[in-house]
Amino acid sequence: EKDEPGEEVRVTYRELLELTCRLGNTLKRQGVKQGDRVTIYMPPCPVAVASMLACARIGAVHAVVFAGFSAESLADRIRD
């Protein structure tokens, strides 16, 4: 489900796998490798889920943060 009530996006397992693989390859091309730390800052959506799965797939540790955090809280979470 999206942020707005009543809005949802349906994704098949195949679509999720393809998106996850594409994002994983993009992360690797950007130099992210096993053991690296990645912070994901995006709204709840299928791409956010695929981003988390892509990090797990390549062995990168990930943390998810959302826009509802204050600037200080966001900075603390990214540093952690």
C-alpha atoms as a PDB file:
ATOM      1  CA  GLU A   1       0.000   0.000   0.000  1.00  0.00           C
ATOM      2  CA  LYS A   2       1.045   3.532  -0.655  1.00  0.00           C
ATOM      3  CA  ASP A   3       0.922   6.473   1.753  1.00  0.00           C
ATOM      4  CA  GLU A   4      -2.546   7.460   0.578  1.00  0.00           C
ATOM      5  CA  PRO A   5      -5.395   5.293   1.896  1.00  0.00           C
ATOM      6  CA  GLY A   6      -6.948   3.125  -0.770  1.00  0.00           C
ATOM      7  CA  GLU A   7      -3.965   3.315  -3.120  1.00  0.00           C
ATOM      8  CA  GLU A   8      -2.091   0.112  -3.669  1.00  0.00           C
ATOM      9  CA  VAL A   9       0.260  -1.394  -6.216  1.00  0.00           C
ATOM     10  CA  ARG A  10       0.274  -5.092  -6.992  1.00  0.00           C
ATOM     11  CA  VAL A  11       3.560  -6.720  -7.975  1.00  0.00           C
ATOM     12  CA  THR A  12       4.105 -10.334  -8.961  1.00  0.00           C
ATOM     13  CA  TYR A  13       6.979 -12.341  -7.552  1.00  0.00           C
ATOM     14  CA  ARG A  14       8.577 -12.326 -11.023  1.00  0.00           C
ATOM     15  CA  GLU A  15       8.350  -8.523 -11.254  1.00  0.00           C
ATOM     16  CA  LEU A  16       9.798  -8.180  -7.759  1.00  0.00           C
ATOM     17  CA  LEU A  17      12.667 -10.538  -8.601  1.00  0.00           C
ATOM     18  CA  GLU A  18      13.469  -8.669 -11.830  1.00  0.00           C
ATOM     19  CA  LEU A  19      13.411  -5.305 -10.067  1.00  0.00           C
ATOM     20  CA  THR A  20      15.530  -6.675  -7.209  1.00  0.00           C
ATOM     21  CA  CYS A  21      18.146  -8.020  -9.633  1.00  0.00           C
ATOM     22  CA  ARG A  22      18.257  -4.751 -11.592  1.00  0.00           C
ATOM     23  CA  LEU A  23      18.709  -2.732  -8.401  1.00  0.00           C
ATOM     24  CA  GLY A  24      21.342  -5.153  -7.109  1.00  0.00           C
ATOM     25  CA  ASN A  25      23.316  -4.805 -10.336  1.00  0.00           C
ATOM     26  CA  THR A  26      22.993  -1.016 -10.167  1.00  0.00           C
ATOM     27  CA  LEU A  27      24.310  -1.013  -6.600  1.00  0.00           C
ATOM     28  CA  LYS A  28      27.241  -3.193  -7.635  1.00  0.00           C
ATOM     29  CA  ARG A  29      28.043  -0.885 -10.573  1.00  0.00           C
ATOM     30  CA  GLN A  30      28.090   1.988  -8.072  1.00  0.00           C
ATOM     31  CA  GLY A  31      30.706   0.124  -6.042  1.00  0.00           C
ATOM     32  CA  VAL A  32      28.527  -1.340  -3.279  1.00  0.00           C
ATOM     33  CA  LYS A  33      29.844  -4.727  -2.196  1.00  0.00           C
ATOM     34  CA  GLN A  34      29.320  -7.352   0.480  1.00  0.00           C
ATOM     35  CA  GLY A  35      29.585  -5.875   3.967  1.00  0.00           C
ATOM     36  CA  ASP A  36      29.006  -2.272   2.863  1.00  0.00           C
ATOM     37  CA  ARG A  37      26.357  -0.198   4.609  1.00  0.00           C
ATOM     38  CA  VAL A  38      23.457   1.307   2.646  1.00  0.00           C
ATOM     39  CA  THR A  39      20.771   3.677   3.907  1.00  0.00           C
ATOM     40  CA  ILE A  40      17.492   3.535   2.002  1.00  0.00           C
ATOM     41  CA  TYR A  41      15.531   6.791   2.127  1.00  0.00           C
ATOM     42  CA  MET A  42      12.299   6.448   0.193  1.00  0.00           C
ATOM     43  CA  PRO A  43       8.563   6.124   0.808  1.00  0.00           C
ATOM     44  CA  PRO A  44       6.948   2.723   1.257  1.00  0.00           C
ATOM     45  CA  CYS A  45       6.614   1.322  -2.270  1.00  0.00           C
ATOM     46  CA  PRO A  46       7.629  -1.754  -4.277  1.00  0.00           C
ATOM     47  CA  VAL A  47      10.966  -0.126  -5.201  1.00  0.00           C
ATOM     48  CA  ALA A  48      11.785   0.299  -1.499  1.00  0.00           C
ATOM     49  CA  VAL A  49      11.088  -3.392  -0.896  1.00  0.00           C
ATOM     50  CA  ALA A  50      13.178  -4.360  -3.922  1.00  0.00           C
ATOM     51  CA  SER A  51      15.985  -2.099  -2.664  1.00  0.00           C
ATOM     52  CA  MET A  52      16.049  -3.892   0.675  1.00  0.00           C
ATOM     53  CA  LEU A  53      16.055  -7.270  -1.059  1.00  0.00           C
ATOM     54  CA  ALA A  54      18.802  -6.129  -3.458  1.00  0.00           C
ATOM     55  CA  CYS A  55      21.010  -5.137  -0.535  1.00  0.00           C
ATOM     56  CA  ALA A  56      20.416  -8.510   1.105  1.00  0.00           C
ATOM     57  CA  ARG A  57      21.081 -10.265  -2.190  1.00  0.00           C
ATOM     58  CA  ILE A  58      24.544  -8.708  -2.582  1.00  0.00           C
ATOM     59  CA  GLY A  59      25.350  -8.936   1.128  1.00  0.00           C
ATOM     60  CA  ALA A  60      25.190  -5.227   1.951  1.00  0.00           C
ATOM     61  CA  VAL A  61      23.807  -4.201   5.323  1.00  0.00           C
ATOM     62  CA  HIS A  62      20.887  -1.807   4.945  1.00  0.00           C
ATOM     63  CA  ALA A  63      18.916   0.573   7.134  1.00  0.00           C
ATOM     64  CA  VAL A  64      15.588   2.098   6.153  1.00  0.00           C
ATOM     65  CA  VAL A  65      14.620   5.645   7.090  1.00  0.00           C
ATOM     66  CA  PHE A  66      11.510   7.599   6.164  1.00  0.00           C
ATOM     67  CA  ALA A  67      10.756  11.288   5.702  1.00  0.00           C
ATOM     68  CA  GLY A  68       8.851  11.502   8.996  1.00  0.00           C
ATOM     69  CA  PHE A  69      12.080  11.768  10.995  1.00  0.00           C
ATOM     70  CA  SER A  70      13.534  15.095  12.095  1.00  0.00           C
ATOM     71  CA  ALA A  71      16.862  16.151  10.587  1.00  0.00           C
ATOM     72  CA  GLU A  72      18.731  15.224  13.788  1.00  0.00           C
ATOM     73  CA  SER A  73      17.006  11.870  14.098  1.00  0.00           C
ATOM     74  CA  LEU A  74      17.654  11.121  10.452  1.00  0.00           C
ATOM     75  CA  ALA A  75      21.360  11.986  10.807  1.00  0.00           C
ATOM     76  CA  ASP A  76      21.636   9.762  13.910  1.00  0.00           C
ATOM     77  CA  ARG A  77      20.031   6.819  12.140  1.00  0.00           C
ATOM     78  CA  ILE A  78      22.282   7.183   9.105  1.00  0.00           C
ATOM     79  CA  ARG A  79      25.390   7.323  11.330  1.00  0.00           C
ATOM     80  CA  ASP A  80      24.216   4.262  13.300  1.00  0.00           C
END
